[in-house]
Amino acid sequence: MEYLLPGFYTSIQFIVLIGLGFIIKRTGLVDNNFQKSVSGFLVKTALPVYFFTNMGKADISILIGSLYMPFAAVVNAAFAMLSSYIIFRFLPSSVNAML
C-alpha cells in the first residue's frame, strides 16, 4: 500500500492539470498560439524534469524491490502470445477465416 499512495497522488495531480487545461481551452481564456506553446513546453520540458526529479528522490532499495513488475508484465505478455499461438494453430482454417 505504501507504494501505491505516491503513484495515486501523482495520477490525481495529472488528472487535475488535464482537467484544468480542458476547462481553460473550452472557455477560451487563452488563444491557440499561447496554448500550443505552453503545451509544447509542458510535454517537452516540464514533464521530463518532473519525472526525473521525482525519480531522484526515490529510495533505491524500493526501486530495486519493485523490479519484479516489468518482469511479470513481460512473462504475462509472452504467456498470452504463446497460448494464442497454440490455440489458433490447432483451429481449423475455416474458423480462422471467420476470425
N, C-alpha and C. Protein backbone atom coordinates (compact mmCIF):
# COMPACT_ATOMS: atom_id res chain seq x y z
N MET A 1 0.82 -1.19 0.00
CA MET A 1 0.00 0.00 0.00
C MET A 1 0.86 1.26 0.00
N GLU A 2 2.03 1.15 0.62
CA GLU A 2 2.89 2.33 0.70
C GLU A 2 3.44 2.74 -0.66
N TYR A 3 3.46 1.81 -1.62
CA TYR A 3 3.94 2.13 -2.96
C TYR A 3 2.84 2.73 -3.83
N LEU A 4 1.61 2.40 -3.53
CA LEU A 4 0.50 2.86 -4.36
C LEU A 4 0.11 4.31 -4.08
N LEU A 5 0.25 4.75 -2.85
CA LEU A 5 -0.20 6.09 -2.49
C LEU A 5 0.53 7.21 -3.22
N PRO A 6 1.86 7.21 -3.30
CA PRO A 6 2.52 8.27 -4.08
C PRO A 6 2.15 8.25 -5.56
N GLY A 7 2.02 7.07 -6.12
CA GLY A 7 1.58 6.98 -7.52
C GLY A 7 0.16 7.48 -7.71
N PHE A 8 -0.69 7.21 -6.74
CA PHE A 8 -2.06 7.70 -6.79
C PHE A 8 -2.09 9.22 -6.73
N TYR A 9 -1.31 9.81 -5.84
CA TYR A 9 -1.26 11.26 -5.73
C TYR A 9 -0.74 11.91 -7.01
N THR A 10 0.27 11.30 -7.61
CA THR A 10 0.80 11.83 -8.86
C THR A 10 -0.24 11.74 -9.97
N SER A 11 -0.96 10.64 -10.02
CA SER A 11 -2.02 10.50 -11.02
C SER A 11 -3.11 11.54 -10.83
N ILE A 12 -3.48 11.79 -9.59
CA ILE A 12 -4.50 12.80 -9.30
C ILE A 12 -4.02 14.18 -9.75
N GLN A 13 -2.75 14.49 -9.53
CA GLN A 13 -2.21 15.78 -9.98
C GLN A 13 -2.30 15.91 -11.49
N PHE A 14 -1.95 14.86 -12.22
CA PHE A 14 -2.03 14.91 -13.68
C PHE A 14 -3.47 15.05 -14.15
N ILE A 15 -4.39 14.34 -13.53
CA ILE A 15 -5.80 14.42 -13.92
C ILE A 15 -6.35 15.82 -13.67
N VAL A 16 -6.00 16.42 -12.55
CA VAL A 16 -6.46 17.78 -12.25
C VAL A 16 -5.88 18.77 -13.26
N LEU A 17 -4.60 18.63 -13.59
CA LEU A 17 -3.98 19.53 -14.56
C LEU A 17 -4.59 19.37 -15.95
N ILE A 18 -4.88 18.15 -16.35
CA ILE A 18 -5.52 17.92 -17.64
C ILE A 18 -6.91 18.53 -17.64
N GLY A 19 -7.65 18.34 -16.56
CA GLY A 19 -8.99 18.94 -16.46
C GLY A 19 -8.94 20.45 -16.48
N LEU A 20 -7.97 21.04 -15.80
CA LEU A 20 -7.82 22.49 -15.80
C LEU A 20 -7.50 23.01 -17.20
N GLY A 21 -6.62 22.32 -17.89
CA GLY A 21 -6.32 22.71 -19.27
C GLY A 21 -7.52 22.58 -20.18
N PHE A 22 -8.32 21.56 -19.99
CA PHE A 22 -9.53 21.36 -20.79
C PHE A 22 -10.52 22.50 -20.55
N ILE A 23 -10.71 22.88 -19.29
CA ILE A 23 -11.64 23.96 -18.96
C ILE A 23 -11.14 25.28 -19.53
N ILE A 24 -9.85 25.55 -19.40
CA ILE A 24 -9.30 26.80 -19.93
C ILE A 24 -9.46 26.86 -21.45
N LYS A 25 -9.23 25.74 -22.12
CA LYS A 25 -9.37 25.70 -23.58
C LYS A 25 -10.83 25.88 -23.99
N ARG A 26 -11.75 25.24 -23.29
CA ARG A 26 -13.17 25.33 -23.64
C ARG A 26 -13.75 26.72 -23.40
N THR A 27 -13.29 27.39 -22.34
CA THR A 27 -13.82 28.72 -22.05
C THR A 27 -13.18 29.80 -22.90
N GLY A 28 -12.08 29.48 -23.57
CA GLY A 28 -11.43 30.45 -24.45
C GLY A 28 -10.62 31.50 -23.72
N LEU A 29 -10.11 31.17 -22.55
CA LEU A 29 -9.31 32.12 -21.77
C LEU A 29 -7.95 32.40 -22.44
N VAL A 30 -7.46 31.47 -23.23
CA VAL A 30 -6.18 31.66 -23.91
C VAL A 30 -6.39 31.41 -25.40
N ASP A 31 -5.53 32.03 -26.22
CA ASP A 31 -5.63 31.80 -27.66
C ASP A 31 -4.83 30.56 -28.05
N ASN A 32 -4.96 30.14 -29.30
CA ASN A 32 -4.33 28.90 -29.76
C ASN A 32 -2.81 28.94 -29.72
N ASN A 33 -2.20 30.08 -30.06
CA ASN A 33 -0.74 30.17 -30.06
C ASN A 33 -0.17 29.99 -28.66
N PHE A 34 -0.80 30.64 -27.69
CA PHE A 34 -0.34 30.50 -26.31
C PHE A 34 -0.53 29.07 -25.83
N GLN A 35 -1.66 28.48 -26.15
CA GLN A 35 -1.96 27.12 -25.73
C GLN A 35 -0.96 26.13 -26.33
N LYS A 36 -0.62 26.30 -27.61
CA LYS A 36 0.35 25.40 -28.24
C LYS A 36 1.74 25.56 -27.65
N SER A 37 2.14 26.79 -27.35
CA SER A 37 3.47 26.99 -26.79
C SER A 37 3.56 26.44 -25.37
N VAL A 38 2.54 26.64 -24.56
CA VAL A 38 2.55 26.11 -23.19
C VAL A 38 2.48 24.58 -23.23
N SER A 39 1.67 24.04 -24.10
CA SER A 39 1.56 22.59 -24.22
C SER A 39 2.89 21.98 -24.64
N GLY A 40 3.57 22.59 -25.61
CA GLY A 40 4.88 22.10 -26.04
C GLY A 40 5.90 22.16 -24.92
N PHE A 41 5.89 23.26 -24.16
CA PHE A 41 6.81 23.40 -23.03
C PHE A 41 6.55 22.31 -21.99
N LEU A 42 5.29 22.08 -21.68
CA LEU A 42 4.96 21.09 -20.66
C LEU A 42 5.37 19.68 -21.07
N VAL A 43 5.08 19.33 -22.32
CA VAL A 43 5.35 17.97 -22.77
C VAL A 43 6.84 17.74 -22.99
N LYS A 44 7.55 18.72 -23.55
CA LYS A 44 8.95 18.52 -23.91
C LYS A 44 9.92 18.85 -22.78
N THR A 45 9.52 19.69 -21.83
CA THR A 45 10.46 20.13 -20.80
C THR A 45 9.98 19.82 -19.39
N ALA A 46 8.82 20.33 -19.01
CA ALA A 46 8.39 20.24 -17.62
C ALA A 46 8.09 18.82 -17.17
N LEU A 47 7.42 18.04 -18.00
CA LEU A 47 7.08 16.67 -17.61
C LEU A 47 8.32 15.80 -17.43
N PRO A 48 9.30 15.82 -18.36
CA PRO A 48 10.51 15.03 -18.10
C PRO A 48 11.29 15.49 -16.87
N VAL A 49 11.34 16.80 -16.64
CA VAL A 49 12.03 17.31 -15.45
C VAL A 49 11.32 16.84 -14.19
N TYR A 50 10.00 16.88 -14.20
CA TYR A 50 9.20 16.42 -13.06
C TYR A 50 9.45 14.94 -12.80
N PHE A 51 9.48 14.16 -13.87
CA PHE A 51 9.71 12.72 -13.73
C PHE A 51 11.07 12.43 -13.13
N PHE A 52 12.13 13.04 -13.68
CA PHE A 52 13.47 12.78 -13.18
C PHE A 52 13.68 13.34 -11.77
N THR A 53 13.02 14.43 -11.43
CA THR A 53 13.11 14.96 -10.08
C THR A 53 12.50 14.00 -9.08
N ASN A 54 11.34 13.46 -9.41
CA ASN A 54 10.71 12.50 -8.51
C ASN A 54 11.49 11.19 -8.43
N MET A 55 12.07 10.76 -9.54
CA MET A 55 12.87 9.54 -9.51
C MET A 55 14.15 9.76 -8.70
N GLY A 56 14.67 10.97 -8.71
CA GLY A 56 15.85 11.28 -7.92
C GLY A 56 15.60 11.24 -6.43
N LYS A 57 14.36 11.48 -6.02
CA LYS A 57 14.00 11.44 -4.60
C LYS A 57 13.70 10.04 -4.11
N ALA A 58 13.52 9.12 -5.02
CA ALA A 58 13.10 7.76 -4.65
C ALA A 58 14.23 7.01 -3.96
N ASP A 59 13.85 6.14 -3.06
CA ASP A 59 14.80 5.28 -2.36
C ASP A 59 15.19 4.13 -3.29
N ILE A 60 16.48 3.93 -3.48
CA ILE A 60 16.97 2.92 -4.41
C ILE A 60 16.53 1.51 -3.99
N SER A 61 16.49 1.24 -2.70
CA SER A 61 16.09 -0.10 -2.25
C SER A 61 14.64 -0.40 -2.62
N ILE A 62 13.79 0.60 -2.61
CA ILE A 62 12.39 0.41 -3.01
C ILE A 62 12.32 0.16 -4.51
N LEU A 63 13.12 0.90 -5.29
CA LEU A 63 13.11 0.70 -6.73
C LEU A 63 13.61 -0.69 -7.11
N ILE A 64 14.65 -1.16 -6.43
CA ILE A 64 15.17 -2.49 -6.73
C ILE A 64 14.15 -3.55 -6.35
N GLY A 65 13.41 -3.33 -5.27
CA GLY A 65 12.39 -4.28 -4.84
C GLY A 65 11.20 -4.33 -5.78
N SER A 66 11.00 -3.29 -6.57
CA SER A 66 9.85 -3.26 -7.46
C SER A 66 10.19 -3.68 -8.88
N LEU A 67 11.35 -4.25 -9.10
CA LEU A 67 11.74 -4.67 -10.45
C LEU A 67 10.99 -5.91 -10.93
N TYR A 68 10.27 -6.57 -10.03
CA TYR A 68 9.53 -7.75 -10.46
C TYR A 68 8.34 -7.39 -11.34
N MET A 69 7.84 -6.17 -11.26
CA MET A 69 6.66 -5.78 -12.05
C MET A 69 6.94 -5.80 -13.56
N PRO A 70 8.01 -5.17 -14.06
CA PRO A 70 8.27 -5.29 -15.51
C PRO A 70 8.51 -6.73 -15.93
N PHE A 71 9.18 -7.51 -15.09
CA PHE A 71 9.40 -8.91 -15.41
C PHE A 71 8.08 -9.67 -15.48
N ALA A 72 7.18 -9.39 -14.55
CA ALA A 72 5.87 -10.04 -14.56
C ALA A 72 5.07 -9.63 -15.79
N ALA A 73 5.19 -8.39 -16.22
CA ALA A 73 4.48 -7.93 -17.41
C ALA A 73 5.00 -8.64 -18.66
N VAL A 74 6.31 -8.81 -18.76
CA VAL A 74 6.89 -9.50 -19.92
C VAL A 74 6.49 -10.97 -19.92
N VAL A 75 6.51 -11.60 -18.76
CA VAL A 75 6.10 -13.01 -18.68
C VAL A 75 4.63 -13.15 -19.05
N ASN A 76 3.79 -12.23 -18.58
CA ASN A 76 2.37 -12.27 -18.90
C ASN A 76 2.14 -12.11 -20.40
N ALA A 77 2.82 -11.18 -21.03
CA ALA A 77 2.67 -10.98 -22.47
C ALA A 77 3.16 -12.19 -23.25
N ALA A 78 4.28 -12.77 -22.82
CA ALA A 78 4.80 -13.95 -23.50
C ALA A 78 3.84 -15.13 -23.36
N PHE A 79 3.27 -15.29 -22.19
CA PHE A 79 2.30 -16.37 -21.99
C PHE A 79 1.06 -16.16 -22.85
N ALA A 80 0.58 -14.93 -22.96
CA ALA A 80 -0.59 -14.64 -23.79
C ALA A 80 -0.29 -14.92 -25.26
N MET A 81 0.87 -14.53 -25.73
CA MET A 81 1.22 -14.77 -27.14
C MET A 81 1.39 -16.26 -27.41
N LEU A 82 2.03 -16.97 -26.50
CA LEU A 82 2.23 -18.40 -26.69
C LEU A 82 0.91 -19.15 -26.67
N SER A 83 0.04 -18.82 -25.72
CA SER A 83 -1.24 -19.51 -25.65
C SER A 83 -2.12 -19.19 -26.85
N SER A 84 -2.10 -17.95 -27.33
CA SER A 84 -2.90 -17.63 -28.52
C SER A 84 -2.33 -18.33 -29.75
N TYR A 85 -1.01 -18.45 -29.83
CA TYR A 85 -0.41 -19.18 -30.96
C TYR A 85 -0.84 -20.65 -30.94
N ILE A 86 -0.81 -21.25 -29.75
CA ILE A 86 -1.19 -22.66 -29.64
C ILE A 86 -2.67 -22.84 -29.97
N ILE A 87 -3.51 -21.97 -29.47
CA ILE A 87 -4.95 -22.08 -29.73
C ILE A 87 -5.25 -21.93 -31.21
N PHE A 88 -4.71 -20.91 -31.84
CA PHE A 88 -5.03 -20.66 -33.24
C PHE A 88 -4.28 -21.60 -34.19
N ARG A 89 -3.25 -22.22 -33.72
CA ARG A 89 -2.50 -23.17 -34.56
C ARG A 89 -3.33 -24.42 -34.84
N PHE A 90 -4.09 -24.85 -33.84
CA PHE A 90 -4.83 -26.09 -33.97
C PHE A 90 -6.29 -25.90 -34.38
N LEU A 91 -6.72 -24.67 -34.58
CA LEU A 91 -8.08 -24.45 -35.09
C LEU A 91 -8.14 -24.75 -36.57
N PRO A 92 -9.26 -25.24 -37.05
CA PRO A 92 -9.39 -25.46 -38.49
C PRO A 92 -9.31 -24.13 -39.24
N SER A 93 -8.88 -24.19 -40.48
CA SER A 93 -8.71 -22.97 -41.25
C SER A 93 -10.03 -22.26 -41.49
N SER A 94 -11.14 -22.96 -41.51
CA SER A 94 -12.44 -22.30 -41.70
C SER A 94 -12.78 -21.41 -40.51
N VAL A 95 -12.42 -21.82 -39.31
CA VAL A 95 -12.65 -20.99 -38.13
C VAL A 95 -11.71 -19.80 -38.12
N ASN A 96 -10.48 -20.00 -38.52
CA ASN A 96 -9.51 -18.89 -38.59
C ASN A 96 -9.96 -17.83 -39.60
N ALA A 97 -10.58 -18.27 -40.69
CA ALA A 97 -11.03 -17.31 -41.70
C ALA A 97 -12.17 -16.45 -41.18
N MET A 98 -13.00 -17.01 -40.30
CA MET A 98 -14.11 -16.25 -39.72
C MET A 98 -13.62 -15.24 -38.70
N LEU A 99 -12.51 -15.50 -38.08
CA LEU A 99 -11.97 -14.59 -37.06
C LEU A 99 -11.28 -13.45 -37.75
